[in-house]
């Protein structure tokens, strides 16, 4: 019964994540493109109730170090390491899976005429303390940049992309699942509407 309630409550959040909005340009120029370069940007990202990431990191690191010296420092290192070790690979994996045989996207792709820049503008890390929890989520901008000219040809937005909740006590795993969902939805959208 509690599982059914959790699914019903999560439903609206899952539906929101599927909305992709084009905020500038259009995607007509992508017709026939089969290679993309990938890049990531976290500059100016807000986190939870904090308007900037550094304030969040400082508070969380201090709290963890107060409980047990050194754990906050380790947590901070993991916060940044998770980008290359978890978020980017998971986004790329699900993006490519959903692009299917239409296109390939990867970092440092010299064959690609366009770069997909995934800019994370907001991260809700969520929490799980046993008796209470909040799912992770991210808001992103997706910039399509012409590699030859540096011109941004189109910008899309996705918001409230859900990450994991449940029994995951690891912040990185919760957020990683939001990047997986982002890659999946972007890949499906590009195949359906652009490629």
N, C-alpha and C. Protein backbone atom coordinates (compact mmCIF):
# COMPACT_ATOMS: atom_id res chain seq x y z
N UNK A 1 0.82 -1.19 0.00
CA UNK A 1 0.00 0.00 0.00
C UNK A 1 0.87 1.27 0.00
N UNK A 2 1.93 1.26 0.83
CA UNK A 2 2.79 2.44 0.89
C UNK A 2 3.54 2.65 -0.44
N UNK A 3 3.86 1.56 -1.14
CA UNK A 3 4.52 1.67 -2.45
C UNK A 3 3.58 2.33 -3.46
N UNK A 4 2.30 1.96 -3.43
CA UNK A 4 1.32 2.56 -4.32
C UNK A 4 1.19 4.05 -4.04
N UNK A 5 1.17 4.42 -2.77
CA UNK A 5 1.10 5.83 -2.40
C UNK A 5 2.32 6.59 -2.90
N UNK A 6 3.49 5.99 -2.78
CA UNK A 6 4.72 6.64 -3.25
C UNK A 6 4.68 6.86 -4.76
N UNK A 7 4.18 5.87 -5.51
CA UNK A 7 4.08 6.01 -6.96
C UNK A 7 3.08 7.10 -7.33
N UNK A 8 1.96 7.14 -6.65
CA UNK A 8 0.95 8.17 -6.93
C UNK A 8 1.47 9.57 -6.62
N UNK A 9 2.22 9.70 -5.54
CA UNK A 9 2.76 11.01 -5.18
C UNK A 9 3.89 11.43 -6.12
N UNK A 10 4.65 10.48 -6.62
CA UNK A 10 5.77 10.79 -7.52
C UNK A 10 5.30 11.07 -8.94
N UNK A 11 4.12 10.61 -9.31
CA UNK A 11 3.60 10.75 -10.67
C UNK A 11 3.70 12.14 -11.24
N UNK A 12 3.16 13.17 -10.56
CA UNK A 12 3.25 14.52 -11.12
C UNK A 12 4.69 14.99 -11.34
N UNK A 13 5.60 14.63 -10.44
CA UNK A 13 7.00 15.03 -10.60
C UNK A 13 7.60 14.37 -11.82
N UNK A 14 7.28 13.11 -12.06
CA UNK A 14 7.81 12.40 -13.22
C UNK A 14 7.28 12.99 -14.52
N UNK A 15 6.04 13.40 -14.54
CA UNK A 15 5.47 13.99 -15.74
C UNK A 15 6.11 15.34 -16.06
N UNK A 16 6.40 16.12 -15.04
CA UNK A 16 7.02 17.42 -15.26
C UNK A 16 8.38 17.28 -15.94
N UNK A 17 9.11 16.27 -15.60
CA UNK A 17 10.47 16.11 -16.13
C UNK A 17 10.47 15.87 -17.62
N UNK A 18 9.36 15.41 -18.15
CA UNK A 18 9.32 15.10 -19.57
C UNK A 18 9.09 16.34 -20.42
N UNK A 19 8.82 17.47 -19.80
CA UNK A 19 8.62 18.69 -20.56
C UNK A 19 9.96 19.31 -20.91
N UNK A 20 10.17 19.45 -22.19
CA UNK A 20 11.38 20.10 -22.68
C UNK A 20 10.92 21.33 -23.44
N UNK A 21 11.48 22.45 -23.07
CA UNK A 21 11.04 23.72 -23.66
C UNK A 21 12.20 24.33 -24.45
N UNK A 22 11.92 24.71 -25.70
CA UNK A 22 12.91 25.44 -26.49
C UNK A 22 12.75 26.92 -26.15
N UNK A 23 13.81 27.53 -25.62
CA UNK A 23 13.73 28.93 -25.21
C UNK A 23 14.36 29.89 -26.22
N UNK A 24 15.20 29.37 -27.12
CA UNK A 24 15.70 30.20 -28.21
C UNK A 24 16.15 29.32 -29.36
N UNK A 25 15.99 29.85 -30.56
CA UNK A 25 16.36 29.11 -31.76
C UNK A 25 15.36 28.01 -32.07
N UNK A 26 15.76 27.11 -32.93
CA UNK A 26 14.98 25.92 -33.25
C UNK A 26 15.97 24.81 -33.57
N UNK A 27 15.45 23.62 -33.79
CA UNK A 27 16.34 22.47 -33.98
C UNK A 27 16.41 21.98 -35.43
N UNK A 28 15.92 22.77 -36.36
CA UNK A 28 15.91 22.35 -37.77
C UNK A 28 17.32 22.05 -38.29
N UNK A 29 18.31 22.76 -37.80
CA UNK A 29 19.69 22.59 -38.26
C UNK A 29 20.26 21.23 -37.87
N UNK A 30 19.60 20.50 -36.99
CA UNK A 30 20.11 19.20 -36.54
C UNK A 30 19.73 18.05 -37.48
N UNK A 31 18.84 18.31 -38.43
CA UNK A 31 18.42 17.25 -39.35
C UNK A 31 19.64 16.64 -40.03
N UNK A 32 19.81 15.33 -39.87
CA UNK A 32 20.92 14.62 -40.49
C UNK A 32 22.21 14.61 -39.68
N UNK A 33 22.27 15.37 -38.58
CA UNK A 33 23.48 15.36 -37.75
C UNK A 33 23.53 14.03 -37.00
N UNK A 34 24.68 13.36 -37.06
CA UNK A 34 24.78 12.07 -36.39
C UNK A 34 25.91 12.00 -35.35
N UNK A 35 26.57 13.12 -35.11
CA UNK A 35 27.64 13.17 -34.11
C UNK A 35 27.49 14.44 -33.28
N UNK A 36 27.63 14.31 -31.97
CA UNK A 36 27.61 15.45 -31.06
C UNK A 36 28.77 15.37 -30.09
N UNK A 37 29.35 16.52 -29.81
CA UNK A 37 30.32 16.65 -28.73
C UNK A 37 29.52 16.98 -27.47
N UNK A 38 29.97 16.55 -26.32
CA UNK A 38 29.29 16.85 -25.06
C UNK A 38 30.20 17.67 -24.16
N UNK A 39 29.62 18.65 -23.49
CA UNK A 39 30.33 19.45 -22.50
C UNK A 39 29.37 19.75 -21.36
N UNK A 40 29.94 20.06 -20.21
CA UNK A 40 29.14 20.28 -19.01
C UNK A 40 29.56 21.57 -18.32
N UNK A 41 28.59 22.24 -17.70
CA UNK A 41 28.85 23.51 -17.04
C UNK A 41 28.01 23.58 -15.76
N UNK A 42 28.66 23.95 -14.67
CA UNK A 42 27.98 24.10 -13.38
C UNK A 42 28.12 25.52 -12.83
N UNK A 43 28.67 26.42 -13.63
CA UNK A 43 28.90 27.80 -13.21
C UNK A 43 27.58 28.46 -12.80
N UNK A 44 27.56 29.06 -11.60
CA UNK A 44 26.38 29.78 -11.13
C UNK A 44 25.25 28.90 -10.65
N UNK A 45 25.50 27.61 -10.45
CA UNK A 45 24.45 26.68 -10.04
C UNK A 45 23.98 26.96 -8.61
N UNK A 46 22.67 26.95 -8.43
CA UNK A 46 22.08 27.02 -7.09
C UNK A 46 21.90 25.59 -6.58
N UNK A 47 21.96 25.42 -5.26
CA UNK A 47 21.81 24.09 -4.67
C UNK A 47 20.85 24.18 -3.48
N UNK A 48 19.76 23.40 -3.56
CA UNK A 48 18.77 23.40 -2.48
C UNK A 48 18.28 24.80 -2.18
N UNK A 49 18.36 25.19 -0.91
CA UNK A 49 17.90 26.52 -0.51
C UNK A 49 18.96 27.60 -0.73
N UNK A 50 20.12 27.22 -1.23
CA UNK A 50 21.23 28.15 -1.40
C UNK A 50 21.28 28.69 -2.83
N UNK A 51 21.49 29.98 -2.96
CA UNK A 51 21.55 30.60 -4.29
C UNK A 51 22.85 30.29 -5.01
N UNK A 52 23.87 29.90 -4.25
CA UNK A 52 25.11 29.49 -4.92
C UNK A 52 25.68 28.24 -4.27
N UNK A 53 26.33 27.48 -5.08
CA UNK A 53 26.86 26.18 -4.68
C UNK A 53 27.86 26.29 -3.53
N UNK A 54 28.70 27.29 -3.55
CA UNK A 54 29.76 27.41 -2.54
C UNK A 54 29.17 27.53 -1.13
N UNK A 55 28.09 28.28 -0.97
CA UNK A 55 27.46 28.40 0.34
C UNK A 55 26.94 27.06 0.84
N UNK A 56 26.33 26.30 -0.07
CA UNK A 56 25.85 24.97 0.28
C UNK A 56 27.01 24.07 0.70
N UNK A 57 28.06 24.07 -0.11
CA UNK A 57 29.21 23.20 0.18
C UNK A 57 29.85 23.54 1.52
N UNK A 58 30.03 24.83 1.79
CA UNK A 58 30.65 25.24 3.05
C UNK A 58 29.83 24.80 4.25
N UNK A 59 28.51 24.99 4.18
CA UNK A 59 27.66 24.61 5.31
C UNK A 59 27.65 23.10 5.52
N UNK A 60 27.45 22.34 4.44
CA UNK A 60 27.39 20.89 4.54
C UNK A 60 28.72 20.30 5.01
N UNK A 61 29.82 20.82 4.48
CA UNK A 61 31.14 20.34 4.87
C UNK A 61 31.38 20.61 6.36
N UNK A 62 31.03 21.79 6.84
CA UNK A 62 31.23 22.14 8.24
C UNK A 62 30.39 21.24 9.16
N UNK A 63 29.14 20.98 8.78
CA UNK A 63 28.27 20.13 9.59
C UNK A 63 28.82 18.71 9.70
N UNK A 64 29.26 18.18 8.57
CA UNK A 64 29.79 16.82 8.58
C UNK A 64 31.10 16.74 9.37
N UNK A 65 31.97 17.74 9.21
CA UNK A 65 33.24 17.74 9.95
C UNK A 65 33.01 17.92 11.45
N UNK A 66 31.94 18.61 11.82
CA UNK A 66 31.61 18.80 13.24
C UNK A 66 31.21 17.47 13.86
N UNK A 67 30.46 16.66 13.12
CA UNK A 67 30.03 15.35 13.61
C UNK A 67 31.21 14.39 13.71
N UNK A 68 32.01 14.37 12.64
CA UNK A 68 33.19 13.48 12.60
C UNK A 68 34.25 14.15 11.74
N UNK A 69 35.34 14.59 12.35
CA UNK A 69 36.39 15.31 11.62
C UNK A 69 36.84 14.54 10.37
N UNK A 70 36.95 15.27 9.27
CA UNK A 70 37.41 14.70 8.01
C UNK A 70 36.31 14.23 7.08
N UNK A 71 35.14 13.88 7.62
CA UNK A 71 34.07 13.37 6.76
C UNK A 71 33.53 14.46 5.83
N UNK A 72 33.50 15.68 6.30
CA UNK A 72 33.04 16.79 5.46
C UNK A 72 33.99 17.04 4.31
N UNK A 73 35.29 16.92 4.59
CA UNK A 73 36.29 17.11 3.54
C UNK A 73 36.15 16.02 2.47
N UNK A 74 35.95 14.78 2.91
CA UNK A 74 35.76 13.67 1.98
C UNK A 74 34.48 13.85 1.17
N UNK A 75 33.42 14.30 1.84
CA UNK A 75 32.15 14.53 1.16
C UNK A 75 32.32 15.59 0.06
N UNK A 76 33.03 16.67 0.38
CA UNK A 76 33.23 17.74 -0.61
C UNK A 76 33.99 17.22 -1.84
N UNK A 77 35.03 16.42 -1.61
CA UNK A 77 35.76 15.84 -2.73
C UNK A 77 34.85 14.97 -3.59
N UNK A 78 34.01 14.18 -2.94
CA UNK A 78 33.07 13.32 -3.66
C UNK A 78 32.06 14.13 -4.46
N UNK A 79 31.64 15.27 -3.89
CA UNK A 79 30.67 16.13 -4.57
C UNK A 79 31.17 16.49 -5.98
N UNK A 80 32.43 16.86 -6.08
CA UNK A 80 33.00 17.24 -7.38
C UNK A 80 33.37 16.01 -8.22
N UNK A 81 33.88 14.97 -7.58
CA UNK A 81 34.28 13.76 -8.30
C UNK A 81 33.08 13.07 -8.94
N UNK A 82 31.91 13.17 -8.30
CA UNK A 82 30.70 12.53 -8.83
C UNK A 82 30.34 13.04 -10.22
N UNK A 83 30.72 14.23 -10.55
CA UNK A 83 30.40 14.78 -11.88
C UNK A 83 31.02 13.92 -12.97
N UNK A 84 32.33 13.71 -12.89
CA UNK A 84 33.02 12.92 -13.90
C UNK A 84 32.83 11.41 -13.72
N UNK A 85 32.67 10.98 -12.48
CA UNK A 85 32.58 9.55 -12.20
C UNK A 85 31.18 8.97 -12.32
N UNK A 86 30.17 9.81 -12.10
CA UNK A 86 28.79 9.31 -12.09
C UNK A 86 27.87 10.07 -13.05
N UNK A 87 27.77 11.39 -12.89
CA UNK A 87 26.75 12.16 -13.60
C UNK A 87 26.97 12.15 -15.11
N UNK A 88 28.17 12.51 -15.54
CA UNK A 88 28.45 12.60 -16.98
C UNK A 88 28.34 11.23 -17.66
N UNK A 89 28.94 10.17 -17.11
CA UNK A 89 28.80 8.86 -17.77
C UNK A 89 27.35 8.38 -17.85
N UNK A 90 26.57 8.63 -16.81
CA UNK A 90 25.19 8.16 -16.81
C UNK A 90 24.34 8.95 -17.79
N UNK A 91 24.56 10.27 -17.86
CA UNK A 91 23.85 11.09 -18.83
C UNK A 91 24.18 10.62 -20.25
N UNK A 92 25.47 10.44 -20.51
CA UNK A 92 25.93 10.02 -21.84
C UNK A 92 25.39 8.65 -22.22
N UNK A 93 25.40 7.73 -21.27
CA UNK A 93 24.91 6.37 -21.52
C UNK A 93 23.44 6.38 -21.93
N UNK A 94 22.61 7.09 -21.16
CA UNK A 94 21.18 7.09 -21.46
C UNK A 94 20.83 7.95 -22.67
N UNK A 95 21.59 9.01 -22.89
CA UNK A 95 21.39 9.82 -24.09
C UNK A 95 21.64 8.96 -25.33
N UNK A 96 22.77 8.28 -25.36
CA UNK A 96 23.12 7.45 -26.52
C UNK A 96 22.18 6.26 -26.70
N UNK A 97 21.78 5.68 -25.60
CA UNK A 97 20.84 4.56 -25.69
C UNK A 97 19.55 5.01 -26.37
N UNK A 98 19.08 6.22 -26.05
CA UNK A 98 17.83 6.71 -26.61
C UNK A 98 17.99 7.38 -27.97
N UNK A 99 19.21 7.78 -28.30
CA UNK A 99 19.47 8.25 -29.66
C UNK A 99 19.50 7.07 -30.63
N UNK A 100 19.78 5.89 -30.08
CA UNK A 100 19.81 4.68 -30.90
C UNK A 100 20.83 4.79 -32.01
N UNK A 101 20.44 4.41 -33.21
CA UNK A 101 21.37 4.46 -34.35
C UNK A 101 21.30 5.80 -35.09
N UNK A 102 20.55 6.76 -34.55
CA UNK A 102 20.41 8.08 -35.19
C UNK A 102 21.64 8.96 -35.00
N UNK A 103 22.27 8.88 -33.81
CA UNK A 103 23.40 9.76 -33.52
C UNK A 103 24.22 9.21 -32.37
N UNK A 104 25.43 9.77 -32.24
CA UNK A 104 26.32 9.42 -31.14
C UNK A 104 26.77 10.70 -30.47
N UNK A 105 26.76 10.71 -29.14
CA UNK A 105 27.19 11.89 -28.38
C UNK A 105 28.22 11.46 -27.35
N UNK A 106 29.35 12.17 -27.32
CA UNK A 106 30.39 11.87 -26.33
C UNK A 106 31.28 13.10 -26.16
N UNK A 107 31.97 13.13 -25.04
CA UNK A 107 32.91 14.21 -24.80
C UNK A 107 34.11 14.07 -25.75
N UNK A 108 34.69 15.20 -26.13
CA UNK A 108 35.87 15.24 -27.00
C UNK A 108 35.66 14.54 -28.33
N UNK A 109 34.48 14.74 -28.89
CA UNK A 109 34.15 14.12 -30.18
C UNK A 109 34.57 15.07 -31.31
N UNK A 110 35.72 14.81 -31.89
CA UNK A 110 36.27 15.67 -32.96
C UNK A 110 35.45 15.64 -34.24
N UNK A 111 34.66 14.58 -34.44
CA UNK A 111 33.86 14.45 -35.66
C UNK A 111 32.56 15.27 -35.60
N UNK A 112 32.22 15.77 -34.43
CA UNK A 112 30.93 16.41 -34.23
C UNK A 112 30.93 17.87 -34.69
N UNK A 113 29.91 18.28 -35.45
CA UNK A 113 29.80 19.68 -35.85
C UNK A 113 29.20 20.57 -34.75
N UNK A 114 28.52 19.93 -33.80
CA UNK A 114 27.86 20.69 -32.73
C UNK A 114 28.21 20.12 -31.36
N UNK A 115 28.28 21.03 -30.39
CA UNK A 115 28.46 20.64 -29.00
C UNK A 115 27.13 20.79 -28.29
N UNK A 116 26.75 19.77 -27.55
CA UNK A 116 25.63 19.86 -26.62
C UNK A 116 26.24 20.23 -25.28
N UNK A 117 25.97 21.44 -24.82
CA UNK A 117 26.46 21.90 -23.52
C UNK A 117 25.33 21.74 -22.53
N UNK A 118 25.52 20.85 -21.56
CA UNK A 118 24.53 20.64 -20.51
C UNK A 118 24.92 21.51 -19.32
N UNK A 119 24.15 22.57 -19.11
CA UNK A 119 24.42 23.50 -18.02
C UNK A 119 23.43 23.25 -16.91
N UNK A 120 23.93 22.80 -15.77
CA UNK A 120 23.07 22.57 -14.62
C UNK A 120 22.90 23.90 -13.89
N UNK A 121 21.67 24.36 -13.78
CA UNK A 121 21.40 25.65 -13.13
C UNK A 121 20.89 25.49 -11.71
N UNK A 122 20.35 24.30 -11.39
CA UNK A 122 19.86 24.05 -10.03
C UNK A 122 19.97 22.57 -9.72
N UNK A 123 20.42 22.26 -8.52
CA UNK A 123 20.44 20.89 -8.03
C UNK A 123 19.76 20.85 -6.67
N UNK A 124 18.79 19.97 -6.55
CA UNK A 124 18.21 19.63 -5.25
C UNK A 124 18.83 18.28 -4.89
N UNK A 125 19.75 18.26 -3.91
CA UNK A 125 20.43 17.00 -3.60
C UNK A 125 19.52 15.97 -2.93
N UNK A 126 18.41 16.44 -2.38
CA UNK A 126 17.53 15.54 -1.67
C UNK A 126 18.18 15.06 -0.38
N UNK A 127 17.47 14.23 0.34
CA UNK A 127 18.02 13.65 1.56
C UNK A 127 17.25 12.39 1.89
N UNK A 128 17.85 11.56 2.71
CA UNK A 128 17.21 10.36 3.20
C UNK A 128 17.78 10.11 4.60
N UNK A 129 16.94 10.36 5.59
CA UNK A 129 17.36 10.15 6.97
C UNK A 129 16.54 9.05 7.63
N UNK A 130 16.03 8.14 6.83
CA UNK A 130 15.27 7.01 7.35
C UNK A 130 13.79 7.31 7.50
N UNK A 131 13.46 8.24 8.38
CA UNK A 131 12.05 8.55 8.62
C UNK A 131 11.52 9.64 7.70
N UNK A 132 12.41 10.36 7.06
CA UNK A 132 12.00 11.41 6.13
C UNK A 132 12.97 11.43 4.95
N UNK A 133 12.45 11.84 3.81
CA UNK A 133 13.31 11.90 2.64
C UNK A 133 12.76 12.89 1.63
N UNK A 134 13.64 13.35 0.75
CA UNK A 134 13.28 14.19 -0.39
C UNK A 134 14.09 13.70 -1.58
N UNK A 135 13.42 13.50 -2.71
CA UNK A 135 14.12 13.07 -3.91
C UNK A 135 15.03 14.17 -4.42
N UNK A 136 16.08 13.77 -5.07
CA UNK A 136 16.97 14.72 -5.76
C UNK A 136 16.29 15.15 -7.05
N UNK A 137 16.70 16.30 -7.57
CA UNK A 137 16.24 16.76 -8.89
C UNK A 137 17.23 17.78 -9.42
N UNK A 138 17.18 17.99 -10.72
CA UNK A 138 18.02 19.01 -11.35
C UNK A 138 17.19 19.82 -12.34
N UNK A 139 17.62 21.05 -12.58
CA UNK A 139 17.13 21.91 -13.66
C UNK A 139 18.32 22.18 -14.56
N UNK A 140 18.12 22.06 -15.86
CA UNK A 140 19.23 22.25 -16.79
C UNK A 140 18.83 23.13 -17.98
N UNK A 141 19.85 23.72 -18.57
CA UNK A 141 19.75 24.35 -19.88
C UNK A 141 20.59 23.50 -20.82
N UNK A 142 20.10 23.32 -22.04
CA UNK A 142 20.82 22.53 -23.03
C UNK A 142 21.13 23.46 -24.21
N UNK A 143 22.40 23.76 -24.40
CA UNK A 143 22.84 24.67 -25.45
C UNK A 143 23.41 23.86 -26.61
N UNK A 144 22.98 24.18 -27.84
CA UNK A 144 23.52 23.56 -29.04
C UNK A 144 24.45 24.59 -29.68
N UNK A 145 25.74 24.30 -29.66
CA UNK A 145 26.75 25.25 -30.09
C UNK A 145 27.44 24.75 -31.36
N UNK A 146 27.48 25.62 -32.37
CA UNK A 146 28.18 25.32 -33.61
C UNK A 146 29.68 25.37 -33.32
N UNK A 147 30.37 24.27 -33.49
CA UNK A 147 31.80 24.21 -33.15
C UNK A 147 32.66 25.07 -34.08
N UNK A 148 32.22 25.25 -35.31
CA UNK A 148 33.01 26.03 -36.27
C UNK A 148 32.97 27.53 -35.96
N UNK A 149 31.81 28.01 -35.50
CA UNK A 149 31.64 29.45 -35.29
C UNK A 149 31.55 29.85 -33.83
N UNK A 150 31.26 28.90 -32.95
CA UNK A 150 31.04 29.21 -31.54
C UNK A 150 29.65 29.76 -31.26
N UNK A 151 28.81 29.84 -32.29
CA UNK A 151 27.45 30.38 -32.16
C UNK A 151 26.53 29.38 -31.47
N UNK A 152 25.74 29.88 -30.51
CA UNK A 152 24.71 29.05 -29.89
C UNK A 152 23.50 29.09 -30.81
N UNK A 153 23.15 27.94 -31.37
CA UNK A 153 22.07 27.86 -32.35
C UNK A 153 20.70 27.65 -31.70
N UNK A 154 20.67 27.01 -30.53
CA UNK A 154 19.40 26.77 -29.84
C UNK A 154 19.68 26.53 -28.37
N UNK A 155 18.70 26.87 -27.54
CA UNK A 155 18.77 26.60 -26.10
C UNK A 155 17.44 25.99 -25.68
N UNK A 156 17.55 24.91 -24.93
CA UNK A 156 16.38 24.23 -24.38
C UNK A 156 16.49 24.23 -22.86
N UNK A 157 15.34 24.05 -22.20
CA UNK A 157 15.32 23.93 -20.73
C UNK A 157 14.54 22.69 -20.34
N UNK A 158 15.02 22.06 -19.29
CA UNK A 158 14.30 20.98 -18.62
C UNK A 158 14.35 21.29 -17.13
N UNK A 159 13.22 21.14 -16.45
CA UNK A 159 13.22 21.46 -15.02
C UNK A 159 12.59 20.33 -14.22
N UNK A 160 13.00 20.31 -12.96
CA UNK A 160 12.52 19.31 -12.00
C UNK A 160 12.68 17.88 -12.50
N UNK A 161 13.85 17.61 -13.06
CA UNK A 161 14.16 16.27 -13.54
C UNK A 161 14.42 15.41 -12.31
N UNK A 162 13.58 14.41 -12.07
CA UNK A 162 13.68 13.67 -10.81
C UNK A 162 14.87 12.74 -10.75
N UNK A 163 15.47 12.71 -9.58
CA UNK A 163 16.50 11.73 -9.29
C UNK A 163 15.88 10.64 -8.45
N UNK A 164 16.71 10.04 -7.68
CA UNK A 164 16.26 8.90 -6.90
C UNK A 164 15.85 9.32 -5.51
N UNK A 165 15.00 8.55 -4.93
CA UNK A 165 14.61 8.71 -3.53
C UNK A 165 14.78 7.36 -2.87
N UNK A 166 13.79 6.93 -2.17
CA UNK A 166 13.79 5.57 -1.63
C UNK A 166 14.86 5.33 -0.59
N UNK A 167 15.62 4.26 -0.77
CA UNK A 167 16.57 3.82 0.25
C UNK A 167 18.01 4.18 -0.09
N UNK A 168 18.20 5.23 -0.85
CA UNK A 168 19.53 5.64 -1.26
C UNK A 168 20.05 6.76 -0.36
N UNK A 169 21.01 6.43 0.46
CA UNK A 169 21.55 7.39 1.42
C UNK A 169 22.72 8.18 0.82
N UNK A 170 23.13 7.82 -0.37
CA UNK A 170 24.25 8.45 -1.04
C UNK A 170 23.75 9.57 -1.95
N UNK A 171 24.14 10.80 -1.66
CA UNK A 171 23.71 11.96 -2.44
C UNK A 171 24.06 11.79 -3.91
N UNK A 172 25.25 11.30 -4.19
CA UNK A 172 25.70 11.14 -5.57
C UNK A 172 24.82 10.21 -6.38
N UNK A 173 24.36 9.13 -5.77
CA UNK A 173 23.49 8.19 -6.48
C UNK A 173 22.14 8.83 -6.76
N UNK A 174 21.60 9.57 -5.80
CA UNK A 174 20.31 10.24 -6.01
C UNK A 174 20.40 11.22 -7.18
N UNK A 175 21.45 12.02 -7.21
CA UNK A 175 21.61 13.03 -8.26
C UNK A 175 21.93 12.35 -9.60
N UNK A 176 22.73 11.30 -9.57
CA UNK A 176 23.10 10.58 -10.80
C UNK A 176 21.85 10.14 -11.56
N UNK A 177 20.85 9.70 -10.83
CA UNK A 177 19.62 9.23 -11.47
C UNK A 177 18.88 10.36 -12.17
N UNK A 178 19.04 11.61 -11.70
CA UNK A 178 18.44 12.75 -12.40
C UNK A 178 19.14 12.97 -13.74
N UNK A 179 20.47 12.81 -13.77
CA UNK A 179 21.20 12.94 -15.03
C UNK A 179 20.84 11.81 -15.99
N UNK A 180 20.59 10.62 -15.46
CA UNK A 180 20.14 9.51 -16.29
C UNK A 180 18.81 9.84 -16.95
N UNK A 181 17.88 10.34 -16.16
CA UNK A 181 16.55 10.72 -16.67
C UNK A 181 16.68 11.84 -17.71
N UNK A 182 17.55 12.79 -17.46
CA UNK A 182 17.78 13.89 -18.39
C UNK A 182 18.29 13.36 -19.73
N UNK A 183 19.27 12.49 -19.70
CA UNK A 183 19.81 11.91 -20.92
C UNK A 183 18.76 11.12 -21.69
N UNK A 184 17.99 10.35 -20.97
CA UNK A 184 16.94 9.54 -21.59
C UNK A 184 15.93 10.43 -22.30
N UNK A 185 15.41 11.44 -21.60
CA UNK A 185 14.38 12.30 -22.18
C UNK A 185 14.91 13.14 -23.34
N UNK A 186 16.14 13.65 -23.20
CA UNK A 186 16.73 14.43 -24.28
C UNK A 186 16.92 13.57 -25.53
N UNK A 187 17.44 12.37 -25.35
CA UNK A 187 17.62 11.47 -26.50
C UNK A 187 16.32 11.17 -27.21
N UNK A 188 15.28 10.85 -26.46
CA UNK A 188 13.97 10.56 -27.05
C UNK A 188 13.44 11.79 -27.79
N UNK A 189 13.60 12.95 -27.19
CA UNK A 189 13.10 14.20 -27.79
C UNK A 189 13.82 14.49 -29.11
N UNK A 190 15.13 14.37 -29.13
CA UNK A 190 15.89 14.66 -30.34
C UNK A 190 15.52 13.71 -31.48
N UNK A 191 15.35 12.44 -31.18
CA UNK A 191 14.98 11.47 -32.21
C UNK A 191 13.59 11.80 -32.77
N UNK A 192 12.70 12.15 -31.88
CA UNK A 192 11.31 12.41 -32.30
C UNK A 192 11.15 13.75 -33.02
N UNK A 193 11.86 14.79 -32.56
CA UNK A 193 11.59 16.14 -33.05
C UNK A 193 12.67 16.76 -33.93
N UNK A 194 13.88 16.22 -33.92
CA UNK A 194 14.97 16.94 -34.59
C UNK A 194 15.76 16.12 -35.60
N UNK A 195 16.15 14.93 -35.24
CA UNK A 195 17.06 14.16 -36.10
C UNK A 195 16.28 13.45 -37.18
